[in-house]
N, C-alpha and C. Protein backbone atom coordinates (compact mmCIF):
# COMPACT_ATOMS: atom_id res chain seq x y z
N MET A 1 0.82 -1.19 0.00
CA MET A 1 0.00 0.00 0.00
C MET A 1 0.87 1.25 0.00
N LYS A 2 1.94 1.22 0.77
CA LYS A 2 2.82 2.36 0.87
C LYS A 2 3.50 2.62 -0.47
N SER A 3 3.87 1.57 -1.21
CA SER A 3 4.53 1.73 -2.50
C SER A 3 3.55 2.27 -3.56
N LEU A 4 2.28 1.89 -3.46
CA LEU A 4 1.27 2.38 -4.39
C LEU A 4 1.04 3.88 -4.18
N LEU A 5 1.00 4.32 -2.93
CA LEU A 5 0.84 5.73 -2.62
C LEU A 5 2.05 6.52 -3.10
N LYS A 6 3.24 5.95 -2.91
CA LYS A 6 4.46 6.60 -3.34
C LYS A 6 4.49 6.71 -4.86
N LEU A 7 4.04 5.67 -5.59
CA LEU A 7 4.02 5.68 -7.05
C LEU A 7 3.01 6.69 -7.57
N SER A 8 1.86 6.77 -6.97
CA SER A 8 0.85 7.72 -7.44
C SER A 8 1.28 9.15 -7.14
N LEU A 9 1.96 9.39 -6.00
CA LEU A 9 2.46 10.72 -5.68
C LEU A 9 3.55 11.12 -6.66
N THR A 10 4.40 10.18 -7.05
CA THR A 10 5.46 10.45 -8.02
C THR A 10 4.85 10.76 -9.39
N ALA A 11 3.84 10.01 -9.78
CA ALA A 11 3.19 10.25 -11.07
C ALA A 11 2.51 11.62 -11.06
N PHE A 12 1.88 11.99 -9.96
CA PHE A 12 1.23 13.29 -9.87
C PHE A 12 2.26 14.42 -9.99
N CYS A 13 3.37 14.30 -9.29
CA CYS A 13 4.41 15.33 -9.36
C CYS A 13 4.99 15.42 -10.77
N LEU A 14 5.16 14.29 -11.44
CA LEU A 14 5.68 14.28 -12.80
C LEU A 14 4.71 14.97 -13.76
N LEU A 15 3.43 14.66 -13.65
CA LEU A 15 2.43 15.31 -14.49
C LEU A 15 2.35 16.81 -14.22
N LEU A 16 2.45 17.20 -12.96
CA LEU A 16 2.42 18.60 -12.60
C LEU A 16 3.61 19.35 -13.17
N SER A 17 4.78 18.73 -13.11
CA SER A 17 5.97 19.39 -13.65
C SER A 17 5.91 19.49 -15.17
N ILE A 18 5.37 18.48 -15.84
CA ILE A 18 5.23 18.53 -17.29
C ILE A 18 4.25 19.63 -17.67
N GLN A 19 3.16 19.74 -16.92
CA GLN A 19 2.18 20.78 -17.21
C GLN A 19 2.79 22.16 -17.02
N CYS A 20 3.60 22.32 -15.99
CA CYS A 20 4.25 23.61 -15.78
C CYS A 20 5.25 23.91 -16.88
N LEU A 21 5.92 22.89 -17.38
CA LEU A 21 6.87 23.11 -18.46
C LEU A 21 6.17 23.47 -19.76
N LEU A 22 5.02 22.89 -20.01
CA LEU A 22 4.32 23.15 -21.26
C LEU A 22 3.55 24.46 -21.24
N ALA A 23 3.17 24.93 -20.08
CA ALA A 23 2.35 26.13 -19.98
C ALA A 23 3.19 27.34 -19.62
N GLN A 24 4.34 27.44 -20.19
CA GLN A 24 5.20 28.58 -19.88
C GLN A 24 4.74 29.80 -20.66
N GLU A 25 5.03 30.93 -20.09
CA GLU A 25 4.66 32.19 -20.70
C GLU A 25 5.90 33.05 -20.80
N THR A 26 6.08 33.64 -21.95
CA THR A 26 7.24 34.52 -22.10
C THR A 26 6.82 35.95 -21.84
N THR A 27 7.69 36.67 -21.23
CA THR A 27 7.43 38.08 -20.95
C THR A 27 8.49 38.95 -21.58
N ASP A 28 8.87 38.61 -22.80
CA ASP A 28 9.88 39.37 -23.51
C ASP A 28 9.18 40.45 -24.33
N TYR A 29 8.86 41.54 -23.66
CA TYR A 29 8.16 42.62 -24.32
C TYR A 29 9.17 43.65 -24.81
N THR A 30 9.42 43.61 -26.08
CA THR A 30 10.34 44.59 -26.65
C THR A 30 9.54 45.54 -27.53
N THR A 31 9.89 46.77 -27.47
CA THR A 31 9.23 47.76 -28.29
C THR A 31 10.27 48.49 -29.12
N SER A 32 9.83 48.90 -30.28
CA SER A 32 10.72 49.71 -31.09
C SER A 32 10.17 51.12 -31.13
N ALA A 33 11.03 52.06 -31.23
CA ALA A 33 10.61 53.46 -31.19
C ALA A 33 10.00 53.90 -32.51
N GLY A 34 10.40 53.27 -33.63
CA GLY A 34 9.98 53.75 -34.94
C GLY A 34 8.54 53.45 -35.28
N GLY A 35 8.11 52.20 -35.16
CA GLY A 35 6.75 51.85 -35.49
C GLY A 35 6.56 51.45 -36.94
N GLY A 36 7.56 51.46 -37.75
CA GLY A 36 7.44 51.04 -39.14
C GLY A 36 7.36 52.21 -40.09
N SER A 37 7.38 51.88 -41.35
CA SER A 37 7.38 52.88 -42.40
C SER A 37 5.96 53.18 -42.87
N PRO A 38 5.66 54.42 -43.18
CA PRO A 38 4.33 54.75 -43.70
C PRO A 38 4.19 54.50 -45.21
N VAL A 39 5.27 54.10 -45.85
CA VAL A 39 5.26 53.93 -47.31
C VAL A 39 4.23 52.90 -47.78
N PRO A 40 4.14 51.70 -47.17
CA PRO A 40 3.11 50.75 -47.64
C PRO A 40 1.69 51.29 -47.51
N GLY A 41 1.42 52.02 -46.46
CA GLY A 41 0.10 52.60 -46.28
C GLY A 41 -0.21 53.65 -47.34
N ILE A 42 0.77 54.48 -47.66
CA ILE A 42 0.58 55.50 -48.69
C ILE A 42 0.38 54.86 -50.05
N ILE A 43 1.15 53.82 -50.36
CA ILE A 43 1.00 53.11 -51.63
C ILE A 43 -0.38 52.47 -51.72
N GLY A 44 -0.85 51.87 -50.63
CA GLY A 44 -2.18 51.28 -50.60
C GLY A 44 -3.28 52.30 -50.82
N LEU A 45 -3.14 53.48 -50.21
CA LEU A 45 -4.12 54.54 -50.42
C LEU A 45 -4.13 55.03 -51.86
N LEU A 46 -2.95 55.14 -52.47
CA LEU A 46 -2.87 55.57 -53.87
C LEU A 46 -3.51 54.55 -54.80
N ILE A 47 -3.29 53.27 -54.54
CA ILE A 47 -3.90 52.21 -55.36
C ILE A 47 -5.42 52.25 -55.20
N GLY A 48 -5.89 52.40 -53.97
CA GLY A 48 -7.33 52.49 -53.74
C GLY A 48 -7.94 53.71 -54.44
N LEU A 49 -7.25 54.83 -54.39
CA LEU A 49 -7.72 56.04 -55.07
C LEU A 49 -7.77 55.84 -56.58
N LEU A 50 -6.76 55.17 -57.14
CA LEU A 50 -6.75 54.89 -58.58
C LEU A 50 -7.95 54.03 -58.99
N ILE A 51 -8.24 53.01 -58.20
CA ILE A 51 -9.37 52.13 -58.51
C ILE A 51 -10.69 52.90 -58.41
N ILE A 52 -10.83 53.75 -57.40
CA ILE A 52 -12.05 54.53 -57.23
C ILE A 52 -12.25 55.48 -58.40
N VAL A 53 -11.20 56.17 -58.80
CA VAL A 53 -11.31 57.12 -59.91
C VAL A 53 -11.65 56.39 -61.21
N ALA A 54 -11.00 55.24 -61.44
CA ALA A 54 -11.28 54.46 -62.65
C ALA A 54 -12.71 53.94 -62.65
N MET A 55 -13.18 53.48 -61.51
CA MET A 55 -14.56 52.99 -61.41
C MET A 55 -15.54 54.15 -61.61
N TRP A 56 -15.21 55.32 -61.10
CA TRP A 56 -16.03 56.51 -61.29
C TRP A 56 -16.18 56.80 -62.78
N LYS A 57 -15.06 56.73 -63.52
CA LYS A 57 -15.10 56.98 -64.97
C LYS A 57 -15.93 55.93 -65.70
N VAL A 58 -15.81 54.66 -65.31
CA VAL A 58 -16.59 53.59 -65.95
C VAL A 58 -18.07 53.82 -65.71
N PHE A 59 -18.45 54.17 -64.48
CA PHE A 59 -19.86 54.43 -64.18
C PHE A 59 -20.37 55.62 -64.98
N THR A 60 -19.55 56.65 -65.11
CA THR A 60 -19.95 57.83 -65.87
C THR A 60 -20.12 57.50 -67.35
N LYS A 61 -19.22 56.69 -67.90
CA LYS A 61 -19.34 56.28 -69.30
C LYS A 61 -20.63 55.50 -69.54
N ALA A 62 -21.07 54.76 -68.54
CA ALA A 62 -22.27 53.95 -68.68
C ALA A 62 -23.55 54.74 -68.40
N GLY A 63 -23.42 56.04 -68.14
CA GLY A 63 -24.60 56.86 -67.91
C GLY A 63 -25.13 56.81 -66.49
N GLN A 64 -24.34 56.32 -65.57
CA GLN A 64 -24.73 56.24 -64.16
C GLN A 64 -23.97 57.30 -63.38
N PRO A 65 -24.43 57.63 -62.18
CA PRO A 65 -23.70 58.63 -61.39
C PRO A 65 -22.33 58.11 -60.96
N GLY A 66 -21.30 58.91 -61.17
CA GLY A 66 -19.94 58.50 -60.83
C GLY A 66 -19.71 58.36 -59.34
N TRP A 67 -20.40 59.19 -58.54
CA TRP A 67 -20.21 59.13 -57.10
C TRP A 67 -20.64 57.79 -56.51
N ALA A 68 -21.39 57.01 -57.27
CA ALA A 68 -21.83 55.69 -56.78
C ALA A 68 -20.65 54.75 -56.57
N ALA A 69 -19.52 55.05 -57.18
CA ALA A 69 -18.33 54.19 -57.04
C ALA A 69 -17.79 54.19 -55.62
N ILE A 70 -18.11 55.20 -54.83
CA ILE A 70 -17.54 55.28 -53.48
C ILE A 70 -18.50 54.80 -52.39
N ILE A 71 -19.71 54.39 -52.76
CA ILE A 71 -20.68 53.88 -51.78
C ILE A 71 -20.63 52.35 -51.84
N PRO A 72 -20.22 51.67 -50.76
CA PRO A 72 -19.91 50.25 -50.81
C PRO A 72 -20.94 49.30 -51.42
N ILE A 73 -22.14 49.22 -50.96
CA ILE A 73 -23.11 48.26 -51.50
C ILE A 73 -23.80 48.83 -52.73
N TYR A 74 -24.00 50.13 -52.72
CA TYR A 74 -24.67 50.79 -53.84
C TYR A 74 -23.87 50.64 -55.14
N ASN A 75 -22.53 50.63 -55.04
CA ASN A 75 -21.74 50.47 -56.26
C ASN A 75 -21.94 49.08 -56.89
N LEU A 76 -22.21 48.08 -56.07
CA LEU A 76 -22.54 46.76 -56.62
C LEU A 76 -23.89 46.79 -57.34
N TYR A 77 -24.84 47.53 -56.77
CA TYR A 77 -26.15 47.66 -57.41
C TYR A 77 -26.01 48.35 -58.78
N ILE A 78 -25.24 49.42 -58.83
CA ILE A 78 -25.03 50.13 -60.09
C ILE A 78 -24.29 49.24 -61.08
N TRP A 79 -23.31 48.48 -60.59
CA TRP A 79 -22.56 47.56 -61.45
C TRP A 79 -23.52 46.53 -62.06
N CYS A 80 -24.41 45.96 -61.24
CA CYS A 80 -25.40 45.01 -61.76
C CYS A 80 -26.34 45.68 -62.75
N LYS A 81 -26.69 46.91 -62.50
CA LYS A 81 -27.56 47.66 -63.39
C LYS A 81 -26.87 47.91 -64.74
N ILE A 82 -25.59 48.24 -64.71
CA ILE A 82 -24.84 48.50 -65.94
C ILE A 82 -24.76 47.26 -66.81
N VAL A 83 -24.53 46.10 -66.19
CA VAL A 83 -24.35 44.87 -66.98
C VAL A 83 -25.66 44.16 -67.26
N GLY A 84 -26.76 44.59 -66.63
CA GLY A 84 -28.05 44.01 -66.91
C GLY A 84 -28.42 42.82 -66.03
N ARG A 85 -27.79 42.69 -64.91
CA ARG A 85 -28.13 41.62 -63.96
C ARG A 85 -29.15 42.13 -62.96
N PRO A 86 -29.99 41.26 -62.39
CA PRO A 86 -30.98 41.70 -61.40
C PRO A 86 -30.30 42.14 -60.09
N TRP A 87 -31.03 42.92 -59.30
CA TRP A 87 -30.48 43.50 -58.07
C TRP A 87 -30.09 42.44 -57.05
N TRP A 88 -30.74 41.27 -57.07
CA TRP A 88 -30.47 40.27 -56.03
C TRP A 88 -29.10 39.61 -56.20
N TRP A 89 -28.38 39.93 -57.27
CA TRP A 89 -27.01 39.44 -57.38
C TRP A 89 -26.12 40.06 -56.31
N ILE A 90 -26.55 41.18 -55.75
CA ILE A 90 -25.82 41.78 -54.62
C ILE A 90 -25.80 40.81 -53.45
N LEU A 91 -26.90 40.11 -53.23
CA LEU A 91 -26.97 39.13 -52.15
C LEU A 91 -25.99 37.99 -52.39
N LEU A 92 -25.81 37.60 -53.64
CA LEU A 92 -24.82 36.56 -53.96
C LEU A 92 -23.41 37.03 -53.65
N MET A 93 -23.17 38.33 -53.77
CA MET A 93 -21.84 38.86 -53.46
C MET A 93 -21.54 38.82 -51.96
N LEU A 94 -22.55 38.61 -51.14
CA LEU A 94 -22.35 38.54 -49.69
C LEU A 94 -22.07 37.13 -49.20
N ILE A 95 -22.16 36.13 -50.08
CA ILE A 95 -21.92 34.74 -49.69
C ILE A 95 -20.45 34.41 -49.96
N PRO A 96 -19.73 33.95 -48.94
CA PRO A 96 -18.32 33.62 -49.14
C PRO A 96 -18.13 32.54 -50.21
N PHE A 97 -17.09 32.65 -50.97
CA PHE A 97 -16.69 31.76 -52.06
C PHE A 97 -17.59 31.90 -53.29
N VAL A 98 -18.88 32.14 -53.10
CA VAL A 98 -19.77 32.38 -54.23
C VAL A 98 -19.45 33.74 -54.83
N ASN A 99 -19.05 34.68 -53.97
CA ASN A 99 -18.78 36.03 -54.43
C ASN A 99 -17.63 36.09 -55.44
N PHE A 100 -16.68 35.15 -55.38
CA PHE A 100 -15.60 35.13 -56.37
C PHE A 100 -16.16 34.81 -57.76
N ILE A 101 -17.04 33.84 -57.83
CA ILE A 101 -17.64 33.45 -59.11
C ILE A 101 -18.51 34.57 -59.65
N VAL A 102 -19.31 35.16 -58.77
CA VAL A 102 -20.21 36.24 -59.18
C VAL A 102 -19.39 37.45 -59.66
N ALA A 103 -18.30 37.76 -58.98
CA ALA A 103 -17.46 38.89 -59.39
C ALA A 103 -16.86 38.64 -60.78
N ILE A 104 -16.45 37.41 -61.05
CA ILE A 104 -15.90 37.10 -62.37
C ILE A 104 -16.98 37.22 -63.43
N VAL A 105 -18.18 36.72 -63.16
CA VAL A 105 -19.28 36.82 -64.13
C VAL A 105 -19.64 38.29 -64.38
N LEU A 106 -19.73 39.09 -63.30
CA LEU A 106 -20.05 40.50 -63.46
C LEU A 106 -18.94 41.23 -64.23
N SER A 107 -17.70 40.86 -64.00
CA SER A 107 -16.59 41.50 -64.71
C SER A 107 -16.62 41.16 -66.20
N ILE A 108 -16.92 39.90 -66.52
CA ILE A 108 -17.02 39.51 -67.93
C ILE A 108 -18.18 40.24 -68.59
N ASP A 109 -19.31 40.34 -67.89
CA ASP A 109 -20.44 41.08 -68.43
C ASP A 109 -20.12 42.55 -68.61
N LEU A 110 -19.36 43.13 -67.68
CA LEU A 110 -18.97 44.53 -67.80
C LEU A 110 -18.07 44.74 -69.02
N ALA A 111 -17.14 43.83 -69.21
CA ALA A 111 -16.25 43.93 -70.37
C ALA A 111 -17.05 43.83 -71.67
N LYS A 112 -18.00 42.91 -71.72
CA LYS A 112 -18.84 42.76 -72.92
C LYS A 112 -19.74 43.98 -73.12
N SER A 113 -20.16 44.61 -72.03
CA SER A 113 -20.99 45.82 -72.14
C SER A 113 -20.21 46.97 -72.76
N PHE A 114 -18.91 46.93 -72.65
CA PHE A 114 -18.06 47.96 -73.24
C PHE A 114 -17.37 47.49 -74.52
N GLY A 115 -17.82 46.36 -75.08
CA GLY A 115 -17.28 45.89 -76.35
C GLY A 115 -15.97 45.13 -76.24
N LYS A 116 -15.62 44.70 -75.06
CA LYS A 116 -14.39 43.92 -74.85
C LYS A 116 -14.75 42.45 -74.75
N GLY A 117 -13.74 41.60 -74.75
CA GLY A 117 -13.96 40.17 -74.68
C GLY A 117 -13.98 39.61 -73.27
N ALA A 118 -14.16 38.29 -73.19
CA ALA A 118 -14.19 37.61 -71.89
C ALA A 118 -12.83 37.65 -71.22
N GLY A 119 -11.76 37.62 -71.99
CA GLY A 119 -10.42 37.70 -71.41
C GLY A 119 -10.20 39.02 -70.69
N PHE A 120 -10.71 40.10 -71.25
CA PHE A 120 -10.62 41.39 -70.58
C PHE A 120 -11.44 41.38 -69.30
N GLY A 121 -12.57 40.70 -69.32
CA GLY A 121 -13.40 40.60 -68.12
C GLY A 121 -12.71 39.85 -67.00
N ILE A 122 -12.00 38.78 -67.36
CA ILE A 122 -11.24 38.04 -66.35
C ILE A 122 -10.10 38.91 -65.82
N GLY A 123 -9.51 39.70 -66.70
CA GLY A 123 -8.50 40.66 -66.26
C GLY A 123 -9.08 41.68 -65.29
N LEU A 124 -10.31 42.13 -65.54
CA LEU A 124 -10.97 43.05 -64.60
C LEU A 124 -11.14 42.42 -63.23
N ALA A 125 -11.47 41.13 -63.22
CA ALA A 125 -11.71 40.45 -61.94
C ALA A 125 -10.41 40.16 -61.19
N LEU A 126 -9.38 39.75 -61.91
CA LEU A 126 -8.16 39.31 -61.24
C LEU A 126 -7.07 40.38 -61.14
N LEU A 127 -7.01 41.28 -62.10
CA LEU A 127 -6.00 42.34 -62.10
C LEU A 127 -6.69 43.69 -62.27
N GLY A 128 -7.59 43.99 -61.36
CA GLY A 128 -8.39 45.21 -61.45
C GLY A 128 -7.56 46.47 -61.45
N ILE A 129 -6.43 46.45 -60.79
CA ILE A 129 -5.58 47.63 -60.71
C ILE A 129 -5.08 48.06 -62.10
N ILE A 130 -5.02 47.13 -63.02
CA ILE A 130 -4.58 47.43 -64.38
C ILE A 130 -5.77 47.64 -65.31
N PHE A 131 -6.76 46.75 -65.24
CA PHE A 131 -7.83 46.74 -66.22
C PHE A 131 -8.94 47.76 -65.96
N TRP A 132 -9.23 48.12 -64.71
CA TRP A 132 -10.23 49.16 -64.45
C TRP A 132 -9.80 50.50 -65.03
N PRO A 133 -8.53 50.93 -64.81
CA PRO A 133 -8.12 52.19 -65.44
C PRO A 133 -8.10 52.12 -66.97
N ILE A 134 -7.77 50.97 -67.55
CA ILE A 134 -7.81 50.84 -69.00
C ILE A 134 -9.24 51.04 -69.49
N LEU A 135 -10.20 50.44 -68.80
CA LEU A 135 -11.60 50.57 -69.21
C LEU A 135 -12.11 51.99 -68.96
N GLY A 136 -11.72 52.59 -67.84
CA GLY A 136 -12.22 53.91 -67.49
C GLY A 136 -11.62 55.03 -68.32
N PHE A 137 -10.31 54.97 -68.54
CA PHE A 137 -9.62 56.06 -69.23
C PHE A 137 -9.37 55.76 -70.71
N GLY A 138 -9.68 54.56 -71.15
CA GLY A 138 -9.47 54.18 -72.54
C GLY A 138 -10.59 54.68 -73.44
N SER A 139 -10.58 54.19 -74.67
CA SER A 139 -11.54 54.66 -75.67
C SER A 139 -12.78 53.77 -75.76
N ALA A 140 -12.94 52.81 -74.88
CA ALA A 140 -14.10 51.91 -74.92
C ALA A 140 -15.38 52.69 -74.65
N GLN A 141 -16.42 52.39 -75.42
CA GLN A 141 -17.71 53.05 -75.27
C GLN A 141 -18.73 52.04 -74.75
N TYR A 142 -19.63 52.52 -73.93
CA TYR A 142 -20.68 51.67 -73.38
C TYR A 142 -21.68 51.32 -74.49
N GLN A 143 -21.96 50.03 -74.63
CA GLN A 143 -22.84 49.56 -75.70
C GLN A 143 -24.15 48.98 -75.20
N GLY A 144 -24.40 49.10 -73.93
CA GLY A 144 -25.63 48.57 -73.36
C GLY A 144 -25.35 47.35 -72.51
N PRO A 145 -26.32 46.95 -71.70
CA PRO A 145 -26.11 45.82 -70.81
C PRO A 145 -25.91 44.50 -71.57
N ALA A 146 -24.83 43.84 -71.32
CA ALA A 146 -24.50 42.60 -72.04
C ALA A 146 -25.33 41.41 -71.57
N ALA A 147 -25.68 41.38 -70.29
CA ALA A 147 -26.43 40.24 -69.75
C ALA A 147 -27.85 40.21 -70.30
N VAL A 148 -28.43 41.36 -70.56
CA VAL A 148 -29.78 41.42 -71.12
C VAL A 148 -29.75 40.92 -72.57
N ALA A 149 -28.71 41.29 -73.30
CA ALA A 149 -28.60 40.86 -74.70
C ALA A 149 -28.34 39.35 -74.81
N ALA A 150 -27.73 38.76 -73.80
CA ALA A 150 -27.41 37.33 -73.85
C ALA A 150 -28.61 36.47 -73.53
N ARG A 151 -29.63 37.02 -72.84
CA ARG A 151 -30.82 36.24 -72.51
C ARG A 151 -31.72 36.08 -73.73
N PRO A 152 -32.38 34.92 -73.85
CA PRO A 152 -33.28 34.73 -75.00
C PRO A 152 -34.57 35.52 -74.85
């Protein structure tokens, strides 16, 4: 009986020491005085501004208000209106993973609405930083909603 008590006490101490070893916490709090460079933030703001201005131009070319490009959900509604898709496609844009497919379809429809091909539409979806300004500042003219023309 005495050896069993001694064995269980040893096992308890071993488990306790392992738990203490595994649950260690480091308190190495180092701070730097600089805080990092503002350059990435400035570049990000410039890219965002470029996309907004290009989207504004695309909306204006399509006969819609340009300021709609800066209103988050409303710009999706205008985008659906330009390409001829129903308003409830905005709800599809709120579903994770489905929104990637819907964005590609809307981009292809937008490209076709401006007389471009499906490849340009995929470029709009995947490389918007390049293709939105090309569409907005280029010579492409709005030819009407492509999705409406594709329906029988």
